[in-house]
């Protein structure tokens, strides 16, 4: 079955950097568009970035553009998110999520103009604070 294991989160000071990793299995990773989605109790879910299966196309939310970089290693079925110039507003649980069909709608799916993404991992907590 689909498994997504996020790691690399932690506590970092404003202006600092972190690299998140996601180990994927149970599906054709190299053929799957992937996103990072973050969630906070107050703001809910926010789409962060997207990368095509071959890694050729990427896109970012305006809130992270220029600071975050998404990448993937299809040989290892790994997804990454390099986060620089972190700000307190980046504090959230971060999930890697594969592009999935919007039907049937389920609570795990986060649907955006870029498509629907299944948040099936446990996420990794990023806290930006001094």
C-alpha atoms as a PDB file:
ATOM      1  CA  UNK A   1       0.000   0.000   0.000  1.00  0.00           C
ATOM      2  CA  UNK A   2       1.023   3.634  -0.298  1.00  0.00           C
ATOM      3  CA  UNK A   3       3.521   4.679   2.348  1.00  0.00           C
ATOM      4  CA  UNK A   4       4.890   8.166   2.841  1.00  0.00           C
ATOM      5  CA  UNK A   5       7.370   8.874   5.614  1.00  0.00           C
ATOM      6  CA  UNK A   6       8.314  12.497   6.156  1.00  0.00           C
ATOM      7  CA  UNK A   7      11.369  13.491   8.179  1.00  0.00           C
ATOM      8  CA  UNK A   8      13.768  16.346   8.762  1.00  0.00           C
ATOM      9  CA  UNK A   9      11.582  18.735  10.713  1.00  0.00           C
ATOM     10  CA  UNK A  10      12.608  20.413  13.920  1.00  0.00           C
ATOM     11  CA  UNK A  11      13.041  23.686  15.769  1.00  0.00           C
ATOM     12  CA  UNK A  12      14.932  26.388  13.919  1.00  0.00           C
ATOM     13  CA  UNK A  13      15.513  30.073  14.511  1.00  0.00           C
ATOM     14  CA  UNK A  14      14.111  32.688  12.119  1.00  0.00           C
ATOM     15  CA  UNK A  15      16.373  32.973   9.109  1.00  0.00           C
ATOM     16  CA  UNK A  16      17.525  29.401   9.435  1.00  0.00           C
ATOM     17  CA  UNK A  17      17.265  26.469   7.057  1.00  0.00           C
ATOM     18  CA  UNK A  18      15.930  22.933   7.061  1.00  0.00           C
ATOM     19  CA  UNK A  19      15.677  20.166   4.502  1.00  0.00           C
ATOM     20  CA  UNK A  20      12.661  17.899   4.647  1.00  0.00           C
ATOM     21  CA  UNK A  21      12.689  14.406   3.180  1.00  0.00           C
ATOM     22  CA  UNK A  22       9.918  12.056   2.179  1.00  0.00           C
ATOM     23  CA  UNK A  23      10.412   8.346   1.550  1.00  0.00           C
ATOM     24  CA  UNK A  24       7.712   7.009  -0.744  1.00  0.00           C
ATOM     25  CA  UNK A  25       6.702   3.444  -1.526  1.00  0.00           C
ATOM     26  CA  UNK A  26       3.750   1.419  -2.738  1.00  0.00           C
ATOM     27  CA  UNK A  27       3.133   3.334  -5.946  1.00  0.00           C
ATOM     28  CA  UNK A  28       4.898   4.356  -9.127  1.00  0.00           C
ATOM     29  CA  UNK A  29       6.807   7.264  -7.634  1.00  0.00           C
ATOM     30  CA  UNK A  30       8.633   8.349 -10.782  1.00  0.00           C
ATOM     31  CA  UNK A  31       5.347   8.635 -12.668  1.00  0.00           C
ATOM     32  CA  UNK A  32       3.605  10.632  -9.948  1.00  0.00           C
ATOM     33  CA  UNK A  33       3.414  14.378  -9.514  1.00  0.00           C
ATOM     34  CA  UNK A  34       4.140  15.198  -5.885  1.00  0.00           C
ATOM     35  CA  UNK A  35       3.405  18.139  -3.643  1.00  0.00           C
ATOM     36  CA  UNK A  36       4.314  19.404  -0.220  1.00  0.00           C
ATOM     37  CA  UNK A  37       1.336  20.562   1.830  1.00  0.00           C
ATOM     38  CA  UNK A  38       1.525  22.119   5.282  1.00  0.00           C
ATOM     39  CA  UNK A  39      -1.045  22.272   8.013  1.00  0.00           C
ATOM     40  CA  UNK A  40      -1.527  24.359  11.123  1.00  0.00           C
ATOM     41  CA  UNK A  41      -4.369  24.294  13.634  1.00  0.00           C
ATOM     42  CA  UNK A  42      -5.266  27.894  12.898  1.00  0.00           C
ATOM     43  CA  UNK A  43      -4.736  28.290   9.165  1.00  0.00           C
ATOM     44  CA  UNK A  44      -5.621  24.783   8.091  1.00  0.00           C
ATOM     45  CA  UNK A  45      -3.999  23.232   5.030  1.00  0.00           C
ATOM     46  CA  UNK A  46      -1.818  25.184   2.630  1.00  0.00           C
ATOM     47  CA  UNK A  47      -0.340  23.896  -0.595  1.00  0.00           C
ATOM     48  CA  UNK A  48       3.399  24.694  -0.678  1.00  0.00           C
ATOM     49  CA  UNK A  49       5.011  23.273  -3.804  1.00  0.00           C
ATOM     50  CA  UNK A  50       4.635  20.818  -6.661  1.00  0.00           C
ATOM     51  CA  UNK A  51       7.034  18.835  -8.799  1.00  0.00           C
ATOM     52  CA  UNK A  52       6.345  16.753 -11.880  1.00  0.00           C
ATOM     53  CA  UNK A  53       7.206  13.081 -11.976  1.00  0.00           C
ATOM     54  CA  UNK A  54      10.334  13.648 -14.024  1.00  0.00           C
ATOM     55  CA  UNK A  55      11.337  16.623 -11.890  1.00  0.00           C
ATOM     56  CA  UNK A  56      11.221  18.928 -14.887  1.00  0.00           C
ATOM     57  CA  UNK A  57       8.474  21.272 -13.722  1.00  0.00           C
ATOM     58  CA  UNK A  58       8.079  22.859 -10.315  1.00  0.00           C
ATOM     59  CA  UNK A  59       5.858  25.531  -8.830  1.00  0.00           C
ATOM     60  CA  UNK A  60       5.526  27.217  -5.469  1.00  0.00           C
ATOM     61  CA  UNK A  61       3.046  29.094  -3.363  1.00  0.00           C
ATOM     62  CA  UNK A  62       3.734  32.824  -3.351  1.00  0.00           C
ATOM     63  CA  UNK A  63       4.374  32.612   0.388  1.00  0.00           C
ATOM     64  CA  UNK A  64       7.468  30.432  -0.107  1.00  0.00           C
ATOM     65  CA  UNK A  65       8.641  31.360  -3.600  1.00  0.00           C
ATOM     66  CA  UNK A  66      12.329  32.199  -3.653  1.00  0.00           C
ATOM     67  CA  UNK A  67      12.921  30.575  -0.268  1.00  0.00           C
ATOM     68  CA  UNK A  68      11.915  26.925  -0.758  1.00  0.00           C
ATOM     69  CA  UNK A  69      13.132  24.444  -3.360  1.00  0.00           C
ATOM     70  CA  UNK A  70      11.468  21.129  -4.119  1.00  0.00           C
ATOM     71  CA  UNK A  71      13.403  18.246  -5.654  1.00  0.00           C
ATOM     72  CA  UNK A  72      13.198  14.504  -6.060  1.00  0.00           C
ATOM     73  CA  UNK A  73      15.382  11.457  -6.549  1.00  0.00           C
ATOM     74  CA  UNK A  74      13.321   8.941  -8.477  1.00  0.00           C
ATOM     75  CA  UNK A  75      16.006   6.262  -8.186  1.00  0.00           C
ATOM     76  CA  UNK A  76      15.543   6.367  -4.414  1.00  0.00           C
ATOM     77  CA  UNK A  77      11.817   7.257  -4.403  1.00  0.00           C
ATOM     78  CA  UNK A  78      12.616  10.321  -2.326  1.00  0.00           C
ATOM     79  CA  UNK A  79      11.112  13.805  -2.284  1.00  0.00           C
ATOM     80  CA  UNK A  80      12.833  16.789  -0.709  1.00  0.00           C
ATOM     81  CA  UNK A  81      12.028  20.322   0.348  1.00  0.00           C
ATOM     82  CA  UNK A  82      14.923  22.683   0.982  1.00  0.00           C
ATOM     83  CA  UNK A  83      13.676  25.548   3.128  1.00  0.00           C
ATOM     84  CA  UNK A  84      15.767  28.686   3.549  1.00  0.00           C
ATOM     85  CA  UNK A  85      15.136  32.022   5.270  1.00  0.00           C
ATOM     86  CA  UNK A  86      12.544  30.381   7.476  1.00  0.00           C
ATOM     87  CA  UNK A  87      10.016  32.611   9.190  1.00  0.00           C
ATOM     88  CA  UNK A  88       7.663  32.009  12.114  1.00  0.00           C
ATOM     89  CA  UNK A  89       4.779  31.877   9.631  1.00  0.00           C
ATOM     90  CA  UNK A  90       6.359  28.732   8.156  1.00  0.00           C
ATOM     91  CA  UNK A  91       5.650  26.860  11.395  1.00  0.00           C
ATOM     92  CA  UNK A  92       3.457  23.884  10.475  1.00  0.00           C
ATOM     93  CA  UNK A  93       3.325  20.143  10.013  1.00  0.00           C
ATOM     94  CA  UNK A  94       4.615  19.376   6.529  1.00  0.00           C
ATOM     95  CA  UNK A  95       3.306  16.498   4.427  1.00  0.00           C
ATOM     96  CA  UNK A  96       4.437  15.052   1.131  1.00  0.00           C
ATOM     97  CA  UNK A  97       1.447  14.140  -0.961  1.00  0.00           C
ATOM     98  CA  UNK A  98       0.964  12.414  -4.301  1.00  0.00           C
ATOM     99  CA  UNK A  99      -1.408  13.707  -6.949  1.00  0.00           C
ATOM    100  CA  UNK A 100      -4.590  11.645  -6.849  1.00  0.00           C
ATOM    101  CA  UNK A 101      -8.031  11.594  -8.367  1.00  0.00           C
ATOM    102  CA  UNK A 102     -10.507  13.964  -6.710  1.00  0.00           C
ATOM    103  CA  UNK A 103     -13.067  11.141  -6.624  1.00  0.00           C
ATOM    104  CA  UNK A 104     -14.159   9.922  -4.208  1.00  0.00           C
ATOM    105  CA  UNK A 105     -13.628  12.921  -1.943  1.00  0.00           C
ATOM    106  CA  UNK A 106     -12.014  11.921   1.338  1.00  0.00           C
ATOM    107  CA  UNK A 107     -10.761  13.894   4.345  1.00  0.00           C
ATOM    108  CA  UNK A 108      -7.140  13.072   3.517  1.00  0.00           C
ATOM    109  CA  UNK A 109      -7.315  14.796   0.141  1.00  0.00           C
ATOM    110  CA  UNK A 110      -6.301  18.430  -0.197  1.00  0.00           C
ATOM    111  CA  UNK A 111      -7.632  19.820  -3.466  1.00  0.00           C
ATOM    112  CA  UNK A 112      -6.099  22.888  -5.087  1.00  0.00           C
ATOM    113  CA  UNK A 113      -6.005  24.448  -8.575  1.00  0.00           C
ATOM    114  CA  UNK A 114      -2.955  22.216  -9.108  1.00  0.00           C
ATOM    115  CA  UNK A 115      -4.954  19.060  -8.378  1.00  0.00           C
ATOM    116  CA  UNK A 116      -5.854  16.938  -5.397  1.00  0.00           C
ATOM    117  CA  UNK A 117      -3.170  15.548  -3.124  1.00  0.00           C
ATOM    118  CA  UNK A 118      -3.452  12.736  -0.609  1.00  0.00           C
ATOM    119  CA  UNK A 119      -1.956  13.538   2.778  1.00  0.00           C
ATOM    120  CA  UNK A 120      -1.316   9.984   3.954  1.00  0.00           C
ATOM    121  CA  UNK A 121       1.926  10.330   5.899  1.00  0.00           C
ATOM    122  CA  UNK A 122       2.390  11.300   9.509  1.00  0.00           C
ATOM    123  CA  UNK A 123       3.960  14.619   8.585  1.00  0.00           C
ATOM    124  CA  UNK A 124       6.993  16.311  10.095  1.00  0.00           C
ATOM    125  CA  UNK A 125       6.764  19.291  12.442  1.00  0.00           C
ATOM    126  CA  UNK A 126       8.649  22.445  11.567  1.00  0.00           C
ATOM    127  CA  UNK A 127       8.787  25.112  14.246  1.00  0.00           C
ATOM    128  CA  UNK A 128      10.410  28.467  13.545  1.00  0.00           C
ATOM    129  CA  UNK A 129      10.967  30.396  16.736  1.00  0.00           C
ATOM    130  CA  UNK A 130      13.633  32.314  18.566  1.00  0.00           C
END
